[in-house]
Amino acid sequence: MGLNTARRITKTRKKANSLEDRIEQLEQDLANTKILLRKTLVALETHLTKDIDGDGKMG
């Protein structure tokens, strides 16, 4: 294996690792956003005393 090939493999591995890290961060951000959205919906439904999301219950 030549030096250029080894460098390309190393670069590809680093890129893959950084993409995996980014995906993990995006998944965590999405989970946090869903939690916040649910809390916001509950607060809004409670405040308005109205079922906004159509699940048949308020809050």
PDB file of N, CA and C in Angstrom:
ATOM      1  N   MET A   1       0.858  -1.174   0.000  1.00  0.00           N
ATOM      2  CA  MET A   1       0.000   0.000   0.000  1.00  0.00           C
ATOM      3  C   MET A   1       0.898   1.228   0.000  1.00  0.00           C
ATOM      4  N   GLY A   2       0.614   2.152  -0.905  1.00  0.00           N
ATOM      5  CA  GLY A   2       1.417   3.356  -1.012  1.00  0.00           C
ATOM      6  C   GLY A   2       1.050   4.383   0.037  1.00  0.00           C
ATOM      7  N   LEU A   3       1.906   5.387   0.157  1.00  0.00           N
ATOM      8  CA  LEU A   3       1.699   6.450   1.138  1.00  0.00           C
ATOM      9  C   LEU A   3       0.423   7.235   0.853  1.00  0.00           C
ATOM     10  N   ASN A   4       0.154   7.500  -0.423  1.00  0.00           N
ATOM     11  CA  ASN A   4      -1.066   8.231  -0.783  1.00  0.00           C
ATOM     12  C   ASN A   4      -2.321   7.454  -0.407  1.00  0.00           C
ATOM     13  N   THR A   5      -2.279   6.150  -0.615  1.00  0.00           N
ATOM     14  CA  THR A   5      -3.423   5.312  -0.266  1.00  0.00           C
ATOM     15  C   THR A   5      -3.651   5.327   1.242  1.00  0.00           C
ATOM     16  N   ALA A   6      -2.589   5.222   2.011  1.00  0.00           N
ATOM     17  CA  ALA A   6      -2.694   5.259   3.475  1.00  0.00           C
ATOM     18  C   ALA A   6      -3.269   6.582   3.930  1.00  0.00           C
ATOM     19  N   ARG A   7      -2.847   7.675   3.317  1.00  0.00           N
ATOM     20  CA  ARG A   7      -3.378   8.997   3.675  1.00  0.00           C
ATOM     21  C   ARG A   7      -4.853   9.112   3.347  1.00  0.00           C
ATOM     22  N   ARG A   8      -5.239   8.569   2.194  1.00  0.00           N
ATOM     23  CA  ARG A   8      -6.656   8.613   1.811  1.00  0.00           C
ATOM     24  C   ARG A   8      -7.508   7.797   2.767  1.00  0.00           C
ATOM     25  N   ILE A   9      -7.000   6.647   3.174  1.00  0.00           N
ATOM     26  CA  ILE A   9      -7.734   5.807   4.133  1.00  0.00           C
ATOM     27  C   ILE A   9      -7.884   6.534   5.463  1.00  0.00           C
ATOM     28  N   THR A  10      -6.808   7.143   5.938  1.00  0.00           N
ATOM     29  CA  THR A  10      -6.849   7.893   7.194  1.00  0.00           C
ATOM     30  C   THR A  10      -7.838   9.045   7.099  1.00  0.00           C
ATOM     31  N   LYS A  11      -7.796   9.772   5.987  1.00  0.00           N
ATOM     32  CA  LYS A  11      -8.704  10.910   5.780  1.00  0.00           C
ATOM     33  C   LYS A  11     -10.158  10.433   5.745  1.00  0.00           C
ATOM     34  N   THR A  12     -10.391   9.309   5.064  1.00  0.00           N
ATOM     35  CA  THR A  12     -11.739   8.757   4.974  1.00  0.00           C
ATOM     36  C   THR A  12     -12.241   8.321   6.344  1.00  0.00           C
ATOM     37  N   ARG A  13     -11.377   7.709   7.138  1.00  0.00           N
ATOM     38  CA  ARG A  13     -11.767   7.291   8.493  1.00  0.00           C
ATOM     39  C   ARG A  13     -12.119   8.495   9.359  1.00  0.00           C
ATOM     40  N   LYS A  14     -11.304   9.538   9.280  1.00  0.00           N
ATOM     41  CA  LYS A  14     -11.585  10.750  10.069  1.00  0.00           C
ATOM     42  C   LYS A  14     -12.908  11.360   9.649  1.00  0.00           C
ATOM     43  N   LYS A  15     -13.153  11.394   8.342  1.00  0.00           N
ATOM     44  CA  LYS A  15     -14.398  11.955   7.830  1.00  0.00           C
ATOM     45  C   LYS A  15     -15.584  11.129   8.307  1.00  0.00           C
ATOM     46  N   ALA A  16     -15.457   9.808   8.257  1.00  0.00           N
ATOM     47  CA  ALA A  16     -16.528   8.925   8.711  1.00  0.00           C
ATOM     48  C   ALA A  16     -16.791   9.130  10.198  1.00  0.00           C
ATOM     49  N   ASN A  17     -15.725   9.232  10.986  1.00  0.00           N
ATOM     50  CA  ASN A  17     -15.891   9.465  12.424  1.00  0.00           C
ATOM     51  C   ASN A  17     -16.575  10.792  12.679  1.00  0.00           C
ATOM     52  N   SER A  18     -16.191  11.841  11.952  1.00  0.00           N
ATOM     53  CA  SER A  18     -16.811  13.145  12.174  1.00  0.00           C
ATOM     54  C   SER A  18     -18.275  13.126  11.725  1.00  0.00           C
ATOM     55  N   LEU A  19     -18.591  12.377  10.676  1.00  0.00           N
ATOM     56  CA  LEU A  19     -19.986  12.255  10.250  1.00  0.00           C
ATOM     57  C   LEU A  19     -20.804  11.502  11.294  1.00  0.00           C
ATOM     58  N   GLU A  20     -20.230  10.447  11.865  1.00  0.00           N
ATOM     59  CA  GLU A  20     -20.922   9.702  12.920  1.00  0.00           C
ATOM     60  C   GLU A  20     -21.161  10.595  14.132  1.00  0.00           C
ATOM     61  N   ASP A  21     -20.174  11.405  14.479  1.00  0.00           N
ATOM     62  CA  ASP A  21     -20.331  12.346  15.602  1.00  0.00           C
ATOM     63  C   ASP A  21     -21.428  13.348  15.291  1.00  0.00           C
ATOM     64  N   ARG A  22     -21.453  13.840  14.067  1.00  0.00           N
ATOM     65  CA  ARG A  22     -22.456  14.838  13.665  1.00  0.00           C
ATOM     66  C   ARG A  22     -23.858  14.232  13.700  1.00  0.00           C
ATOM     67  N   ILE A  23     -23.981  13.010  13.209  1.00  0.00           N
ATOM     68  CA  ILE A  23     -25.276  12.332  13.232  1.00  0.00           C
ATOM     69  C   ILE A  23     -25.743  12.129  14.665  1.00  0.00           C
ATOM     70  N   GLU A  24     -24.827  11.708  15.522  1.00  0.00           N
ATOM     71  CA  GLU A  24     -25.166  11.517  16.934  1.00  0.00           C
ATOM     72  C   GLU A  24     -25.639  12.832  17.556  1.00  0.00           C
ATOM     73  N   GLN A  25     -24.962  13.925  17.246  1.00  0.00           N
ATOM     74  CA  GLN A  25     -25.353  15.233  17.774  1.00  0.00           C
ATOM     75  C   GLN A  25     -26.718  15.654  17.235  1.00  0.00           C
ATOM     76  N   LEU A  26     -26.947  15.426  15.947  1.00  0.00           N
ATOM     77  CA  LEU A  26     -28.239  15.775  15.351  1.00  0.00           C
ATOM     78  C   LEU A  26     -29.374  14.950  15.961  1.00  0.00           C
ATOM     79  N   GLU A  27     -29.114  13.674  16.220  1.00  0.00           N
ATOM     80  CA  GLU A  27     -30.132  12.836  16.851  1.00  0.00           C
ATOM     81  C   GLU A  27     -30.449  13.329  18.259  1.00  0.00           C
ATOM     82  N   GLN A  28     -29.429  13.751  18.992  1.00  0.00           N
ATOM     83  CA  GLN A  28     -29.645  14.279  20.345  1.00  0.00           C
ATOM     84  C   GLN A  28     -30.410  15.601  20.282  1.00  0.00           C
ATOM     85  N   ASP A  29     -30.043  16.455  19.330  1.00  0.00           N
ATOM     86  CA  ASP A  29     -30.753  17.727  19.156  1.00  0.00           C
ATOM     87  C   ASP A  29     -32.220  17.493  18.822  1.00  0.00           C
ATOM     88  N   LEU A  30     -32.485  16.514  17.963  1.00  0.00           N
ATOM     89  CA  LEU A  30     -33.863  16.192  17.602  1.00  0.00           C
ATOM     90  C   LEU A  30     -34.643  15.705  18.819  1.00  0.00           C
ATOM     91  N   ALA A  31     -34.043  14.842  19.610  1.00  0.00           N
ATOM     92  CA  ALA A  31     -34.710  14.342  20.816  1.00  0.00           C
ATOM     93  C   ALA A  31     -35.026  15.486  21.770  1.00  0.00           C
ATOM     94  N   ASN A  32     -34.062  16.382  21.955  1.00  0.00           N
ATOM     95  CA  ASN A  32     -34.293  17.535  22.837  1.00  0.00           C
ATOM     96  C   ASN A  32     -35.379  18.450  22.289  1.00  0.00           C
ATOM     97  N   THR A  33     -35.412  18.636  20.990  1.00  0.00           N
ATOM     98  CA  THR A  33     -36.439  19.471  20.356  1.00  0.00           C
ATOM     99  C   THR A  33     -37.821  18.861  20.542  1.00  0.00           C
ATOM    100  N   LYS A  34     -37.916  17.540  20.398  1.00  0.00           N
ATOM    101  CA  LYS A  34     -39.200  16.861  20.594  1.00  0.00           C
ATOM    102  C   LYS A  34     -39.698  17.021  22.030  1.00  0.00           C
ATOM    103  N   ILE A  35     -38.783  16.904  22.988  1.00  0.00           N
ATOM    104  CA  ILE A  35     -39.146  17.079  24.402  1.00  0.00           C
ATOM    105  C   ILE A  35     -39.661  18.491  24.634  1.00  0.00           C
ATOM    106  N   LEU A  36     -38.941  19.474  24.126  1.00  0.00           N
ATOM    107  CA  LEU A  36     -39.344  20.870  24.294  1.00  0.00           C
ATOM    108  C   LEU A  36     -40.679  21.145  23.603  1.00  0.00           C
ATOM    109  N   LEU A  37     -40.869  20.602  22.411  1.00  0.00           N
ATOM    110  CA  LEU A  37     -42.121  20.795  21.683  1.00  0.00           C
ATOM    111  C   LEU A  37     -43.291  20.194  22.458  1.00  0.00           C
ATOM    112  N   ARG A  38     -43.088  19.021  23.027  1.00  0.00           N
ATOM    113  CA  ARG A  38     -44.156  18.377  23.800  1.00  0.00           C
ATOM    114  C   ARG A  38     -44.513  19.209  25.036  1.00  0.00           C
ATOM    115  N   LYS A  39     -43.478  19.701  25.742  1.00  0.00           N
ATOM    116  CA  LYS A  39     -43.718  20.548  26.918  1.00  0.00           C
ATOM    117  C   LYS A  39     -44.459  21.823  26.527  1.00  0.00           C
ATOM    118  N   THR A  40     -44.083  22.388  25.400  1.00  0.00           N
ATOM    119  CA  THR A  40     -44.733  23.612  24.915  1.00  0.00           C
ATOM    120  C   THR A  40     -46.195  23.338  24.575  1.00  0.00           C
ATOM    121  N   LEU A  41     -46.450  22.212  23.913  1.00  0.00           N
ATOM    122  CA  LEU A  41     -47.818  21.845  23.559  1.00  0.00           C
ATOM    123  C   LEU A  41     -48.672  21.644  24.802  1.00  0.00           C
ATOM    124  N   VAL A  42     -48.130  20.956  25.782  1.00  0.00           N
ATOM    125  CA  VAL A  42     -48.868  20.728  27.036  1.00  0.00           C
ATOM    126  C   VAL A  42     -49.195  22.066  27.695  1.00  0.00           C
ATOM    127  N   ALA A  43     -48.226  22.959  27.767  1.00  0.00           N
ATOM    128  CA  ALA A  43     -48.453  24.265  28.393  1.00  0.00           C
ATOM    129  C   ALA A  43     -49.497  25.063  27.619  1.00  0.00           C
ATOM    130  N   LEU A  44     -49.430  25.012  26.292  1.00  0.00           N
ATOM    131  CA  LEU A  44     -50.378  25.770  25.468  1.00  0.00           C
ATOM    132  C   LEU A  44     -51.791  25.199  25.598  1.00  0.00           C
ATOM    133  N   GLU A  45     -51.903  23.880  25.546  1.00  0.00           N
ATOM    134  CA  GLU A  45     -53.223  23.267  25.705  1.00  0.00           C
ATOM    135  C   GLU A  45     -53.809  23.569  27.074  1.00  0.00           C
ATOM    136  N   THR A  46     -52.975  23.537  28.097  1.00  0.00           N
ATOM    137  CA  THR A  46     -53.439  23.848  29.447  1.00  0.00           C
ATOM    138  C   THR A  46     -53.886  25.304  29.528  1.00  0.00           C
ATOM    139  N   HIS A  47     -53.100  26.191  28.962  1.00  0.00           N
ATOM    140  CA  HIS A  47     -53.417  27.615  29.003  1.00  0.00           C
ATOM    141  C   HIS A  47     -54.708  27.916  28.231  1.00  0.00           C
ATOM    142  N   LEU A  48     -54.868  27.322  27.058  1.00  0.00           N
ATOM    143  CA  LEU A  48     -56.034  27.603  26.218  1.00  0.00           C
ATOM    144  C   LEU A  48     -57.238  26.726  26.564  1.00  0.00           C
ATOM    145  N   THR A  49     -57.018  25.723  27.425  1.00  0.00           N
ATOM    146  CA  THR A  49     -58.024  24.706  27.737  1.00  0.00           C
ATOM    147  C   THR A  49     -58.643  24.155  26.447  1.00  0.00           C
ATOM    148  N   LYS A  50     -57.766  23.753  25.533  1.00  0.00           N
ATOM    149  CA  LYS A  50     -58.200  23.235  24.239  1.00  0.00           C
ATOM    150  C   LYS A  50     -57.242  22.139  23.788  1.00  0.00           C
ATOM    151  N   ASP A  51     -57.810  21.090  23.171  1.00  0.00           N
ATOM    152  CA  ASP A  51     -57.004  20.010  22.612  1.00  0.00           C
ATOM    153  C   ASP A  51     -56.496  20.454  21.245  1.00  0.00           C
ATOM    154  N   ILE A  52     -55.230  20.781  21.167  1.00  0.00           N
ATOM    155  CA  ILE A  52     -54.650  21.298  19.925  1.00  0.00           C
ATOM    156  C   ILE A  52     -54.186  20.176  19.002  1.00  0.00           C
ATOM    157  N   ASP A  53     -53.601  19.144  19.561  1.00  0.00           N
ATOM    158  CA  ASP A  53     -53.008  18.104  18.721  1.00  0.00           C
ATOM    159  C   ASP A  53     -53.963  16.957  18.368  1.00  0.00           C
ATOM    160  N   GLY A  54     -55.199  17.052  18.812  1.00  0.00           N
ATOM    161  CA  GLY A  54     -56.215  16.078  18.428  1.00  0.00           C
ATOM    162  C   GLY A  54     -56.067  14.704  19.071  1.00  0.00           C
ATOM    163  N   ASP A  55     -55.371  14.645  20.210  1.00  0.00           N
ATOM    164  CA  ASP A  55     -55.206  13.348  20.866  1.00  0.00           C
ATOM    165  C   ASP A  55     -56.334  13.031  21.849  1.00  0.00           C
ATOM    166  N   GLY A  56     -57.313  13.928  21.902  1.00  0.00           N
ATOM    167  CA  GLY A  56     -58.475  13.693  22.749  1.00  0.00           C
ATOM    168  C   GLY A  56     -58.306  14.107  24.204  1.00  0.00           C
ATOM    169  N   LYS A  57     -57.190  14.718  24.529  1.00  0.00           N
ATOM    170  CA  LYS A  57     -56.985  15.193  25.909  1.00  0.00           C
ATOM    171  C   LYS A  57     -56.230  16.506  25.895  1.00  0.00           C
ATOM    172  N   MET A  58     -56.425  17.245  26.960  1.00  0.00           N
ATOM    173  CA  MET A  58     -55.705  18.517  27.102  1.00  0.00           C
ATOM    174  C   MET A  58     -54.482  18.305  27.963  1.00  0.00           C
ATOM    175  N   GLY A  59     -53.412  18.910  27.555  1.00  0.00           N
ATOM    176  CA  GLY A  59     -52.189  18.822  28.355  1.00  0.00           C
ATOM    177  C   GLY A  59     -51.454  17.543  28.185  1.00  0.00           C
TER     178      GLY A  59
END
